[in-house]
Amino acid sequence: LKTARILLRAIQTASIREEVLGEHPVLRP
């Protein structure tokens, strides 16, 4: 999860970031 959260912050496109958070809710802050 540490690496996943770091990479999630690197995603700039809001729609892709929201899709990732929808698939993996454990990554929500």
mmCIF file of all heavy atoms, coordinates in Angstrom:
data_MODEL
# 
_entry.id   MODEL 
# 
loop_
_atom_site.group_PDB 
_atom_site.id 
_atom_site.type_symbol 
_atom_site.label_atom_id 
_atom_site.label_alt_id 
_atom_site.label_comp_id 
_atom_site.label_asym_id 
_atom_site.label_entity_id 
_atom_site.label_seq_id 
_atom_site.pdbx_PDB_ins_code 
_atom_site.Cartn_x 
_atom_site.Cartn_y 
_atom_site.Cartn_z 
_atom_site.occupancy 
_atom_site.B_iso_or_equiv 
_atom_site.pdbx_formal_charge 
_atom_site.auth_seq_id 
_atom_site.auth_comp_id 
_atom_site.auth_asym_id 
_atom_site.auth_atom_id 
_atom_site.pdbx_PDB_model_num 
ATOM 1   N N   . LEU A 1 1  ? 0.805   -1.213 0.000   1.00 0.00 ? 1  LEU A N   1 
ATOM 2   C CA  . LEU A 1 1  ? 0.000   0.000  0.000   1.00 0.00 ? 1  LEU A CA  1 
ATOM 3   C C   . LEU A 1 1  ? 0.841   1.268  0.000   1.00 0.00 ? 1  LEU A C   1 
ATOM 4   O O   . LEU A 1 1  ? 0.424   2.287  -0.544  1.00 0.00 ? 1  LEU A O   1 
ATOM 5   C CB  . LEU A 1 1  ? -0.960  -0.012 1.186   1.00 0.00 ? 1  LEU A CB  1 
ATOM 6   C CG  . LEU A 1 1  ? -1.935  -1.192 1.208   1.00 0.00 ? 1  LEU A CG  1 
ATOM 7   C CD1 . LEU A 1 1  ? -2.862  -1.101 2.402   1.00 0.00 ? 1  LEU A CD1 1 
ATOM 8   C CD2 . LEU A 1 1  ? -2.724  -1.264 -0.083  1.00 0.00 ? 1  LEU A CD2 1 
ATOM 9   N N   . LYS A 1 2  ? 2.013   1.225  0.588   1.00 0.00 ? 2  LYS A N   1 
ATOM 10  C CA  . LYS A 1 2  ? 2.879   2.408  0.606   1.00 0.00 ? 2  LYS A CA  1 
ATOM 11  C C   . LYS A 1 2  ? 3.255   2.811  -0.823  1.00 0.00 ? 2  LYS A C   1 
ATOM 12  O O   . LYS A 1 2  ? 3.092   3.968  -1.209  1.00 0.00 ? 2  LYS A O   1 
ATOM 13  C CB  . LYS A 1 2  ? 4.139   2.118  1.426   1.00 0.00 ? 2  LYS A CB  1 
ATOM 14  C CG  . LYS A 1 2  ? 5.077   3.284  1.504   1.00 0.00 ? 2  LYS A CG  1 
ATOM 15  C CD  . LYS A 1 2  ? 6.309   2.943  2.328   1.00 0.00 ? 2  LYS A CD  1 
ATOM 16  C CE  . LYS A 1 2  ? 7.292   4.101  2.316   1.00 0.00 ? 2  LYS A CE  1 
ATOM 17  N NZ  . LYS A 1 2  ? 8.528   3.766  3.023   1.00 0.00 ? 2  LYS A NZ  1 
ATOM 18  N N   . THR A 1 3  ? 3.714   1.871  -1.605  1.00 0.00 ? 3  THR A N   1 
ATOM 19  C CA  . THR A 1 3  ? 4.080   2.148  -2.994  1.00 0.00 ? 3  THR A CA  1 
ATOM 20  C C   . THR A 1 3  ? 2.855   2.530  -3.809  1.00 0.00 ? 3  THR A C   1 
ATOM 21  O O   . THR A 1 3  ? 2.901   3.451  -4.632  1.00 0.00 ? 3  THR A O   1 
ATOM 22  C CB  . THR A 1 3  ? 4.773   0.925  -3.619  1.00 0.00 ? 3  THR A CB  1 
ATOM 23  O OG1 . THR A 1 3  ? 5.891   0.557  -2.815  1.00 0.00 ? 3  THR A OG1 1 
ATOM 24  C CG2 . THR A 1 3  ? 5.237   1.214  -5.032  1.00 0.00 ? 3  THR A CG2 1 
ATOM 25  N N   . ALA A 1 4  ? 1.737   1.844  -3.589  1.00 0.00 ? 4  ALA A N   1 
ATOM 26  C CA  . ALA A 1 4  ? 0.512   2.135  -4.332  1.00 0.00 ? 4  ALA A CA  1 
ATOM 27  C C   . ALA A 1 4  ? 0.045   3.566  -4.075  1.00 0.00 ? 4  ALA A C   1 
ATOM 28  O O   . ALA A 1 4  ? -0.363  4.268  -5.007  1.00 0.00 ? 4  ALA A O   1 
ATOM 29  C CB  . ALA A 1 4  ? -0.582  1.147  -3.948  1.00 0.00 ? 4  ALA A CB  1 
ATOM 30  N N   . ARG A 1 5  ? 0.118   4.030  -2.829  1.00 0.00 ? 5  ARG A N   1 
ATOM 31  C CA  . ARG A 1 5  ? -0.303  5.402  -2.517  1.00 0.00 ? 5  ARG A CA  1 
ATOM 32  C C   . ARG A 1 5  ? 0.626   6.435  -3.151  1.00 0.00 ? 5  ARG A C   1 
ATOM 33  O O   . ARG A 1 5  ? 0.179   7.480  -3.617  1.00 0.00 ? 5  ARG A O   1 
ATOM 34  C CB  . ARG A 1 5  ? -0.360  5.594  -1.011  1.00 0.00 ? 5  ARG A CB  1 
ATOM 35  C CG  . ARG A 1 5  ? -1.555  4.921  -0.375  1.00 0.00 ? 5  ARG A CG  1 
ATOM 36  C CD  . ARG A 1 5  ? -1.711  5.260  1.092   1.00 0.00 ? 5  ARG A CD  1 
ATOM 37  N NE  . ARG A 1 5  ? -2.873  4.606  1.631   1.00 0.00 ? 5  ARG A NE  1 
ATOM 38  C CZ  . ARG A 1 5  ? -2.839  3.603  2.502   1.00 0.00 ? 5  ARG A CZ  1 
ATOM 39  N NH1 . ARG A 1 5  ? -1.671  3.144  2.948   1.00 0.00 ? 5  ARG A NH1 1 
ATOM 40  N NH2 . ARG A 1 5  ? -3.954  3.056  2.944   1.00 0.00 ? 5  ARG A NH2 1 
ATOM 41  N N   . ILE A 1 6  ? 1.907   6.146  -3.159  1.00 0.00 ? 6  ILE A N   1 
ATOM 42  C CA  . ILE A 1 6  ? 2.862   7.062  -3.796  1.00 0.00 ? 6  ILE A CA  1 
ATOM 43  C C   . ILE A 1 6  ? 2.569   7.168  -5.287  1.00 0.00 ? 6  ILE A C   1 
ATOM 44  O O   . ILE A 1 6  ? 2.533   8.268  -5.857  1.00 0.00 ? 6  ILE A O   1 
ATOM 45  C CB  . ILE A 1 6  ? 4.309   6.590  -3.541  1.00 0.00 ? 6  ILE A CB  1 
ATOM 46  C CG1 . ILE A 1 6  ? 4.663   6.764  -2.065  1.00 0.00 ? 6  ILE A CG1 1 
ATOM 47  C CG2 . ILE A 1 6  ? 5.290   7.353  -4.426  1.00 0.00 ? 6  ILE A CG2 1 
ATOM 48  C CD1 . ILE A 1 6  ? 5.965   6.103  -1.660  1.00 0.00 ? 6  ILE A CD1 1 
ATOM 49  N N   . LEU A 1 7  ? 2.348   6.037  -5.932  1.00 0.00 ? 7  LEU A N   1 
ATOM 50  C CA  . LEU A 1 7  ? 2.051   6.053  -7.360  1.00 0.00 ? 7  LEU A CA  1 
ATOM 51  C C   . LEU A 1 7  ? 0.695   6.679  -7.647  1.00 0.00 ? 7  LEU A C   1 
ATOM 52  O O   . LEU A 1 7  ? 0.511   7.331  -8.679  1.00 0.00 ? 7  LEU A O   1 
ATOM 53  C CB  . LEU A 1 7  ? 2.114   4.636  -7.925  1.00 0.00 ? 7  LEU A CB  1 
ATOM 54  C CG  . LEU A 1 7  ? 3.497   3.994  -7.935  1.00 0.00 ? 7  LEU A CG  1 
ATOM 55  C CD1 . LEU A 1 7  ? 3.394   2.535  -8.351  1.00 0.00 ? 7  LEU A CD1 1 
ATOM 56  C CD2 . LEU A 1 7  ? 4.431   4.755  -8.852  1.00 0.00 ? 7  LEU A CD2 1 
ATOM 57  N N   . LEU A 1 8  ? -0.259  6.503  -6.750  1.00 0.00 ? 8  LEU A N   1 
ATOM 58  C CA  . LEU A 1 8  ? -1.577  7.112  -6.919  1.00 0.00 ? 8  LEU A CA  1 
ATOM 59  C C   . LEU A 1 8  ? -1.462  8.638  -6.938  1.00 0.00 ? 8  LEU A C   1 
ATOM 60  O O   . LEU A 1 8  ? -2.132  9.306  -7.721  1.00 0.00 ? 8  LEU A O   1 
ATOM 61  C CB  . LEU A 1 8  ? -2.517  6.656  -5.799  1.00 0.00 ? 8  LEU A CB  1 
ATOM 62  C CG  . LEU A 1 8  ? -3.931  7.224  -5.834  1.00 0.00 ? 8  LEU A CG  1 
ATOM 63  C CD1 . LEU A 1 8  ? -4.662  6.725  -7.073  1.00 0.00 ? 8  LEU A CD1 1 
ATOM 64  C CD2 . LEU A 1 8  ? -4.698  6.828  -4.583  1.00 0.00 ? 8  LEU A CD2 1 
ATOM 65  N N   . ARG A 1 9  ? -0.598  9.179  -6.103  1.00 0.00 ? 9  ARG A N   1 
ATOM 66  C CA  . ARG A 1 9  ? -0.395  10.640 -6.086  1.00 0.00 ? 9  ARG A CA  1 
ATOM 67  C C   . ARG A 1 9  ? 0.239   11.137 -7.384  1.00 0.00 ? 9  ARG A C   1 
ATOM 68  O O   . ARG A 1 9  ? 0.083   12.295 -7.749  1.00 0.00 ? 9  ARG A O   1 
ATOM 69  C CB  . ARG A 1 9  ? 0.464   11.049 -4.899  1.00 0.00 ? 9  ARG A CB  1 
ATOM 70  C CG  . ARG A 1 9  ? -0.264  10.959 -3.568  1.00 0.00 ? 9  ARG A CG  1 
ATOM 71  C CD  . ARG A 1 9  ? 0.472   11.681 -2.465  1.00 0.00 ? 9  ARG A CD  1 
ATOM 72  N NE  . ARG A 1 9  ? 1.820   11.187 -2.256  1.00 0.00 ? 9  ARG A NE  1 
ATOM 73  C CZ  . ARG A 1 9  ? 2.185   10.339 -1.306  1.00 0.00 ? 9  ARG A CZ  1 
ATOM 74  N NH1 . ARG A 1 9  ? 1.281   9.878  -0.465  1.00 0.00 ? 9  ARG A NH1 1 
ATOM 75  N NH2 . ARG A 1 9  ? 3.430   9.951  -1.174  1.00 0.00 ? 9  ARG A NH2 1 
ATOM 76  N N   . ALA A 1 10 ? 0.952   10.266 -8.087  1.00 0.00 ? 10 ALA A N   1 
ATOM 77  C CA  . ALA A 1 10 ? 1.591   10.654 -9.344  1.00 0.00 ? 10 ALA A CA  1 
ATOM 78  C C   . ALA A 1 10 ? 0.599   10.688 -10.506 1.00 0.00 ? 10 ALA A C   1 
ATOM 79  O O   . ALA A 1 10 ? 0.893   11.284 -11.545 1.00 0.00 ? 10 ALA A O   1 
ATOM 80  C CB  . ALA A 1 10 ? 2.738   9.700  -9.668  1.00 0.00 ? 10 ALA A CB  1 
ATOM 81  N N   . ILE A 1 11 ? -0.568  10.086 -10.345 1.00 0.00 ? 11 ILE A N   1 
ATOM 82  C CA  . ILE A 1 11 ? -1.582  10.108 -11.404 1.00 0.00 ? 11 ILE A CA  1 
ATOM 83  C C   . ILE A 1 11 ? -2.209  11.489 -11.425 1.00 0.00 ? 11 ILE A C   1 
ATOM 84  O O   . ILE A 1 11 ? -2.803  11.934 -10.444 1.00 0.00 ? 11 ILE A O   1 
ATOM 85  C CB  . ILE A 1 11 ? -2.648  9.013  -11.182 1.00 0.00 ? 11 ILE A CB  1 
ATOM 86  C CG1 . ILE A 1 11 ? -2.004  7.629  -11.261 1.00 0.00 ? 11 ILE A CG1 1 
ATOM 87  C CG2 . ILE A 1 11 ? -3.781  9.144  -12.186 1.00 0.00 ? 11 ILE A CG2 1 
ATOM 88  C CD1 . ILE A 1 11 ? -2.947  6.485  -10.944 1.00 0.00 ? 11 ILE A CD1 1 
ATOM 89  N N   . GLN A 1 12 ? -2.100  12.176 -12.571 1.00 0.00 ? 12 GLN A N   1 
ATOM 90  C CA  . GLN A 1 12 ? -2.572  13.549 -12.690 1.00 0.00 ? 12 GLN A CA  1 
ATOM 91  C C   . GLN A 1 12 ? -4.004  13.647 -13.185 1.00 0.00 ? 12 GLN A C   1 
ATOM 92  O O   . GLN A 1 12 ? -4.699  14.612 -12.881 1.00 0.00 ? 12 GLN A O   1 
ATOM 93  C CB  . GLN A 1 12 ? -1.652  14.323 -13.633 1.00 0.00 ? 12 GLN A CB  1 
ATOM 94  C CG  . GLN A 1 12 ? -0.233  14.402 -13.120 1.00 0.00 ? 12 GLN A CG  1 
ATOM 95  C CD  . GLN A 1 12 ? 0.716   14.986 -14.149 1.00 0.00 ? 12 GLN A CD  1 
ATOM 96  O OE1 . GLN A 1 12 ? 0.329   15.294 -15.271 1.00 0.00 ? 12 GLN A OE1 1 
ATOM 97  N NE2 . GLN A 1 12 ? 1.967   15.139 -13.759 1.00 0.00 ? 12 GLN A NE2 1 
ATOM 98  N N   . THR A 1 13 ? -4.462  12.681 -13.952 1.00 0.00 ? 13 THR A N   1 
ATOM 99  C CA  . THR A 1 13 ? -5.815  12.707 -14.504 1.00 0.00 ? 13 THR A CA  1 
ATOM 100 C C   . THR A 1 13 ? -6.810  12.311 -13.415 1.00 0.00 ? 13 THR A C   1 
ATOM 101 O O   . THR A 1 13 ? -6.751  11.211 -12.874 1.00 0.00 ? 13 THR A O   1 
ATOM 102 C CB  . THR A 1 13 ? -5.929  11.732 -15.697 1.00 0.00 ? 13 THR A CB  1 
ATOM 103 O OG1 . THR A 1 13 ? -4.875  12.017 -16.620 1.00 0.00 ? 13 THR A OG1 1 
ATOM 104 C CG2 . THR A 1 13 ? -7.265  11.871 -16.382 1.00 0.00 ? 13 THR A CG2 1 
ATOM 105 N N   . ALA A 1 14 ? -7.735  13.240 -13.122 1.00 0.00 ? 14 ALA A N   1 
ATOM 106 C CA  . ALA A 1 14 ? -8.675  13.042 -12.017 1.00 0.00 ? 14 ALA A CA  1 
ATOM 107 C C   . ALA A 1 14 ? -9.577  11.828 -12.241 1.00 0.00 ? 14 ALA A C   1 
ATOM 108 O O   . ALA A 1 14 ? -9.853  11.076 -11.297 1.00 0.00 ? 14 ALA A O   1 
ATOM 109 C CB  . ALA A 1 14 ? -9.518  14.295 -11.818 1.00 0.00 ? 14 ALA A CB  1 
ATOM 110 N N   . SER A 1 15 ? -10.024 11.609 -13.469 1.00 0.00 ? 15 SER A N   1 
ATOM 111 C CA  . SER A 1 15 ? -10.931 10.478 -13.716 1.00 0.00 ? 15 SER A CA  1 
ATOM 112 C C   . SER A 1 15 ? -10.228 9.140  -13.495 1.00 0.00 ? 15 SER A C   1 
ATOM 113 O O   . SER A 1 15 ? -10.821 8.213  -12.937 1.00 0.00 ? 15 SER A O   1 
ATOM 114 C CB  . SER A 1 15 ? -11.494 10.552 -15.143 1.00 0.00 ? 15 SER A CB  1 
ATOM 115 O OG  . SER A 1 15 ? -10.451 10.475 -16.097 1.00 0.00 ? 15 SER A OG  1 
ATOM 116 N N   . ILE A 1 16 ? -8.980  9.042  -13.899 1.00 0.00 ? 16 ILE A N   1 
ATOM 117 C CA  . ILE A 1 16 ? -8.230  7.798  -13.680 1.00 0.00 ? 16 ILE A CA  1 
ATOM 118 C C   . ILE A 1 16 ? -7.986  7.593  -12.197 1.00 0.00 ? 16 ILE A C   1 
ATOM 119 O O   . ILE A 1 16 ? -8.126  6.490  -11.676 1.00 0.00 ? 16 ILE A O   1 
ATOM 120 C CB  . ILE A 1 16 ? -6.910  7.804  -14.481 1.00 0.00 ? 16 ILE A CB  1 
ATOM 121 C CG1 . ILE A 1 16 ? -7.206  7.761  -15.976 1.00 0.00 ? 16 ILE A CG1 1 
ATOM 122 C CG2 . ILE A 1 16 ? -6.028  6.621  -14.073 1.00 0.00 ? 16 ILE A CG2 1 
ATOM 123 C CD1 . ILE A 1 16 ? -5.990  7.839  -16.863 1.00 0.00 ? 16 ILE A CD1 1 
ATOM 124 N N   . ARG A 1 17 ? -7.650  8.663  -11.488 1.00 0.00 ? 17 ARG A N   1 
ATOM 125 C CA  . ARG A 1 17 ? -7.414  8.564  -10.047 1.00 0.00 ? 17 ARG A CA  1 
ATOM 126 C C   . ARG A 1 17 ? -8.680  8.096  -9.331  1.00 0.00 ? 17 ARG A C   1 
ATOM 127 O O   . ARG A 1 17 ? -8.618  7.237  -8.443  1.00 0.00 ? 17 ARG A O   1 
ATOM 128 C CB  . ARG A 1 17 ? -6.959  9.916  -9.495  1.00 0.00 ? 17 ARG A CB  1 
ATOM 129 C CG  . ARG A 1 17 ? -6.519  9.826  -8.037  1.00 0.00 ? 17 ARG A CG  1 
ATOM 130 C CD  . ARG A 1 17 ? -6.048  11.143 -7.447  1.00 0.00 ? 17 ARG A CD  1 
ATOM 131 N NE  . ARG A 1 17 ? -5.100  11.821 -8.301  1.00 0.00 ? 17 ARG A NE  1 
ATOM 132 C CZ  . ARG A 1 17 ? -5.298  13.054 -8.808  1.00 0.00 ? 17 ARG A CZ  1 
ATOM 133 N NH1 . ARG A 1 17 ? -6.406  13.707 -8.559  1.00 0.00 ? 17 ARG A NH1 1 
ATOM 134 N NH2 . ARG A 1 17 ? -4.375  13.616 -9.554  1.00 0.00 ? 17 ARG A NH2 1 
ATOM 135 N N   . GLU A 1 18 ? -9.842  8.626  -9.722  1.00 0.00 ? 18 GLU A N   1 
ATOM 136 C CA  . GLU A 1 18 ? -11.100 8.219  -9.087  1.00 0.00 ? 18 GLU A CA  1 
ATOM 137 C C   . GLU A 1 18 ? -11.445 6.768  -9.400  1.00 0.00 ? 18 GLU A C   1 
ATOM 138 O O   . GLU A 1 18 ? -11.966 6.055  -8.542  1.00 0.00 ? 18 GLU A O   1 
ATOM 139 C CB  . GLU A 1 18 ? -12.238 9.145  -9.514  1.00 0.00 ? 18 GLU A CB  1 
ATOM 140 C CG  . GLU A 1 18 ? -12.163 10.515 -8.874  1.00 0.00 ? 18 GLU A CG  1 
ATOM 141 C CD  . GLU A 1 18 ? -12.135 10.464 -7.347  1.00 0.00 ? 18 GLU A CD  1 
ATOM 142 O OE1 . GLU A 1 18 ? -12.920 9.698  -6.744  1.00 0.00 ? 18 GLU A OE1 1 
ATOM 143 O OE2 . GLU A 1 18 ? -11.314 11.195 -6.768  1.00 0.00 ? 18 GLU A OE2 1 
ATOM 144 N N   . GLU A 1 19 ? -11.148 6.308  -10.614 1.00 0.00 ? 19 GLU A N   1 
ATOM 145 C CA  . GLU A 1 19 ? -11.383 4.907  -10.958 1.00 0.00 ? 19 GLU A CA  1 
ATOM 146 C C   . GLU A 1 19 ? -10.510 3.985  -10.115 1.00 0.00 ? 19 GLU A C   1 
ATOM 147 O O   . GLU A 1 19 ? -10.961 2.937  -9.656  1.00 0.00 ? 19 GLU A O   1 
ATOM 148 C CB  . GLU A 1 19 ? -11.109 4.670  -12.445 1.00 0.00 ? 19 GLU A CB  1 
ATOM 149 C CG  . GLU A 1 19 ? -12.168 5.236  -13.357 1.00 0.00 ? 19 GLU A CG  1 
ATOM 150 C CD  . GLU A 1 19 ? -11.836 5.036  -14.821 1.00 0.00 ? 19 GLU A CD  1 
ATOM 151 O OE1 . GLU A 1 19 ? -10.864 4.319  -15.134 1.00 0.00 ? 19 GLU A OE1 1 
ATOM 152 O OE2 . GLU A 1 19 ? -12.561 5.592  -15.651 1.00 0.00 ? 19 GLU A OE2 1 
ATOM 153 N N   . VAL A 1 20 ? -9.258  4.384  -9.910  1.00 0.00 ? 20 VAL A N   1 
ATOM 154 C CA  . VAL A 1 20 ? -8.350  3.579  -9.083  1.00 0.00 ? 20 VAL A CA  1 
ATOM 155 C C   . VAL A 1 20 ? -8.870  3.518  -7.652  1.00 0.00 ? 20 VAL A C   1 
ATOM 156 O O   . VAL A 1 20 ? -8.880  2.459  -7.029  1.00 0.00 ? 20 VAL A O   1 
ATOM 157 C CB  . VAL A 1 20 ? -6.908  4.139  -9.134  1.00 0.00 ? 20 VAL A CB  1 
ATOM 158 C CG1 . VAL A 1 20 ? -6.026  3.458  -8.106  1.00 0.00 ? 20 VAL A CG1 1 
ATOM 159 C CG2 . VAL A 1 20 ? -6.326  3.977  -10.518 1.00 0.00 ? 20 VAL A CG2 1 
ATOM 160 N N   . LEU A 1 21 ? -9.313  4.659  -7.130  1.00 0.00 ? 21 LEU A N   1 
ATOM 161 C CA  . LEU A 1 21 ? -9.842  4.680  -5.765  1.00 0.00 ? 21 LEU A CA  1 
ATOM 162 C C   . LEU A 1 21 ? -11.133 3.875  -5.660  1.00 0.00 ? 21 LEU A C   1 
ATOM 163 O O   . LEU A 1 21 ? -11.413 3.292  -4.605  1.00 0.00 ? 21 LEU A O   1 
ATOM 164 C CB  . LEU A 1 21 ? -10.061 6.122  -5.311  1.00 0.00 ? 21 LEU A CB  1 
ATOM 165 C CG  . LEU A 1 21 ? -8.791  6.918  -5.042  1.00 0.00 ? 21 LEU A CG  1 
ATOM 166 C CD1 . LEU A 1 21 ? -9.120  8.379  -4.767  1.00 0.00 ? 21 LEU A CD1 1 
ATOM 167 C CD2 . LEU A 1 21 ? -8.009  6.324  -3.882  1.00 0.00 ? 21 LEU A CD2 1 
ATOM 168 N N   . GLY A 1 22 ? -11.911 3.830  -6.731  1.00 0.00 ? 22 GLY A N   1 
ATOM 169 C CA  . GLY A 1 22 ? -13.120 3.004  -6.741  1.00 0.00 ? 22 GLY A CA  1 
ATOM 170 C C   . GLY A 1 22 ? -12.785 1.517  -6.718  1.00 0.00 ? 22 GLY A C   1 
ATOM 171 O O   . GLY A 1 22 ? -13.468 0.724  -6.072  1.00 0.00 ? 22 GLY A O   1 
ATOM 172 N N   . GLU A 1 23 ? -11.725 1.147  -7.438  1.00 0.00 ? 23 GLU A N   1 
ATOM 173 C CA  . GLU A 1 23 ? -11.315 -0.257 -7.474  1.00 0.00 ? 23 GLU A CA  1 
ATOM 174 C C   . GLU A 1 23 ? -10.609 -0.695 -6.198  1.00 0.00 ? 23 GLU A C   1 
ATOM 175 O O   . GLU A 1 23 ? -10.693 -1.843 -5.795  1.00 0.00 ? 23 GLU A O   1 
ATOM 176 C CB  . GLU A 1 23 ? -10.371 -0.490 -8.655  1.00 0.00 ? 23 GLU A CB  1 
ATOM 177 C CG  . GLU A 1 23 ? -11.014 -0.380 -10.002 1.00 0.00 ? 23 GLU A CG  1 
ATOM 178 C CD  . GLU A 1 23 ? -10.004 -0.448 -11.139 1.00 0.00 ? 23 GLU A CD  1 
ATOM 179 O OE1 . GLU A 1 23 ? -8.810  -0.722 -10.874 1.00 0.00 ? 23 GLU A OE1 1 
ATOM 180 O OE2 . GLU A 1 23 ? -10.403 -0.231 -12.293 1.00 0.00 ? 23 GLU A OE2 1 
ATOM 181 N N   . HIS A 1 24 ? -9.863  0.240  -5.603  1.00 0.00 ? 24 HIS A N   1 
ATOM 182 C CA  . HIS A 1 24 ? -9.069  -0.058 -4.408  1.00 0.00 ? 24 HIS A CA  1 
ATOM 183 C C   . HIS A 1 24 ? -9.356  0.981  -3.326  1.00 0.00 ? 24 HIS A C   1 
ATOM 184 O O   . HIS A 1 24 ? -8.559  1.874  -3.070  1.00 0.00 ? 24 HIS A O   1 
ATOM 185 C CB  . HIS A 1 24 ? -7.580  -0.060 -4.750  1.00 0.00 ? 24 HIS A CB  1 
ATOM 186 C CG  . HIS A 1 24 ? -7.207  -0.917 -5.904  1.00 0.00 ? 24 HIS A CG  1 
ATOM 187 N ND1 . HIS A 1 24 ? -7.191  -2.290 -5.832  1.00 0.00 ? 24 HIS A ND1 1 
ATOM 188 C CD2 . HIS A 1 24 ? -6.878  -0.611 -7.191  1.00 0.00 ? 24 HIS A CD2 1 
ATOM 189 C CE1 . HIS A 1 24 ? -6.858  -2.783 -7.011  1.00 0.00 ? 24 HIS A CE1 1 
ATOM 190 N NE2 . HIS A 1 24 ? -6.662  -1.791 -7.847  1.00 0.00 ? 24 HIS A NE2 1 
ATOM 191 N N   . PRO A 1 25 ? -10.508 0.870  -2.649  1.00 0.00 ? 25 PRO A N   1 
ATOM 192 C CA  . PRO A 1 25 ? -10.875 1.876  -1.642  1.00 0.00 ? 25 PRO A CA  1 
ATOM 193 C C   . PRO A 1 25 ? -9.916  1.942  -0.458  1.00 0.00 ? 25 PRO A C   1 
ATOM 194 O O   . PRO A 1 25 ? -9.884  2.937  0.257   1.00 0.00 ? 25 PRO A O   1 
ATOM 195 C CB  . PRO A 1 25 ? -12.277 1.451  -1.199  1.00 0.00 ? 25 PRO A CB  1 
ATOM 196 C CG  . PRO A 1 25 ? -12.457 0.065  -1.683  1.00 0.00 ? 25 PRO A CG  1 
ATOM 197 C CD  . PRO A 1 25 ? -11.516 -0.156 -2.803  1.00 0.00 ? 25 PRO A CD  1 
ATOM 198 N N   . VAL A 1 26 ? -9.099  0.924  -0.266  1.00 0.00 ? 26 VAL A N   1 
ATOM 199 C CA  . VAL A 1 26 ? -8.146  0.931  0.836   1.00 0.00 ? 26 VAL A CA  1 
ATOM 200 C C   . VAL A 1 26 ? -7.083  2.012  0.641   1.00 0.00 ? 26 VAL A C   1 
ATOM 201 O O   . VAL A 1 26 ? -6.420  2.419  1.595   1.00 0.00 ? 26 VAL A O   1 
ATOM 202 C CB  . VAL A 1 26 ? -7.516  -0.478 1.002   1.00 0.00 ? 26 VAL A CB  1 
ATOM 203 C CG1 . VAL A 1 26 ? -6.569  -0.789 -0.137  1.00 0.00 ? 26 VAL A CG1 1 
ATOM 204 C CG2 . VAL A 1 26 ? -6.820  -0.620 2.324   1.00 0.00 ? 26 VAL A CG2 1 
ATOM 205 N N   . LEU A 1 27 ? -6.950  2.526  -0.580  1.00 0.00 ? 27 LEU A N   1 
ATOM 206 C CA  . LEU A 1 27 ? -5.951  3.560  -0.857  1.00 0.00 ? 27 LEU A CA  1 
ATOM 207 C C   . LEU A 1 27 ? -6.455  4.967  -0.534  1.00 0.00 ? 27 LEU A C   1 
ATOM 208 O O   . LEU A 1 27 ? -5.679  5.909  -0.609  1.00 0.00 ? 27 LEU A O   1 
ATOM 209 C CB  . LEU A 1 27 ? -5.543  3.500  -2.344  1.00 0.00 ? 27 LEU A CB  1 
ATOM 210 C CG  . LEU A 1 27 ? -4.880  2.212  -2.798  1.00 0.00 ? 27 LEU A CG  1 
ATOM 211 C CD1 . LEU A 1 27 ? -4.613  2.257  -4.287  1.00 0.00 ? 27 LEU A CD1 1 
ATOM 212 C CD2 . LEU A 1 27 ? -3.603  1.977  -2.028  1.00 0.00 ? 27 LEU A CD2 1 
ATOM 213 N N   . ARG A 1 28 ? -7.712  5.087  -0.181  1.00 0.00 ? 28 ARG A N   1 
ATOM 214 C CA  . ARG A 1 28 ? -8.244  6.420  0.178   1.00 0.00 ? 28 ARG A CA  1 
ATOM 215 C C   . ARG A 1 28 ? -7.540  6.949  1.427   1.00 0.00 ? 28 ARG A C   1 
ATOM 216 O O   . ARG A 1 28 ? -7.286  6.185  2.358   1.00 0.00 ? 28 ARG A O   1 
ATOM 217 C CB  . ARG A 1 28 ? -9.741  6.361  0.434   1.00 0.00 ? 28 ARG A CB  1 
ATOM 218 C CG  . ARG A 1 28 ? -10.540 6.086  -0.824  1.00 0.00 ? 28 ARG A CG  1 
ATOM 219 C CD  . ARG A 1 28 ? -11.995 6.480  -0.639  1.00 0.00 ? 28 ARG A CD  1 
ATOM 220 N NE  . ARG A 1 28 ? -12.732 6.195  -1.844  1.00 0.00 ? 28 ARG A NE  1 
ATOM 221 C CZ  . ARG A 1 28 ? -12.848 7.037  -2.860  1.00 0.00 ? 28 ARG A CZ  1 
ATOM 222 N NH1 . ARG A 1 28 ? -12.303 8.217  -2.797  1.00 0.00 ? 28 ARG A NH1 1 
ATOM 223 N NH2 . ARG A 1 28 ? -13.542 6.707  -3.937  1.00 0.00 ? 28 ARG A NH2 1 
ATOM 224 N N   . PRO A 1 29 ? -7.249  8.253  1.405   1.00 0.00 ? 29 PRO A N   1 
ATOM 225 C CA  . PRO A 1 29 ? -6.561  8.841  2.590   1.00 0.00 ? 29 PRO A CA  1 
ATOM 226 C C   . PRO A 1 29 ? -7.448  8.904  3.806   1.00 0.00 ? 29 PRO A C   1 
ATOM 227 O O   . PRO A 1 29 ? -8.607  8.836  3.786   1.00 0.00 ? 29 PRO A O   1 
ATOM 228 C CB  . PRO A 1 29 ? -6.177  10.234 2.130   1.00 0.00 ? 29 PRO A CB  1 
ATOM 229 C CG  . PRO A 1 29 ? -6.839  10.478 0.833   1.00 0.00 ? 29 PRO A CG  1 
ATOM 230 C CD  . PRO A 1 29 ? -7.417  9.195  0.350   1.00 0.00 ? 29 PRO A CD  1 
# 
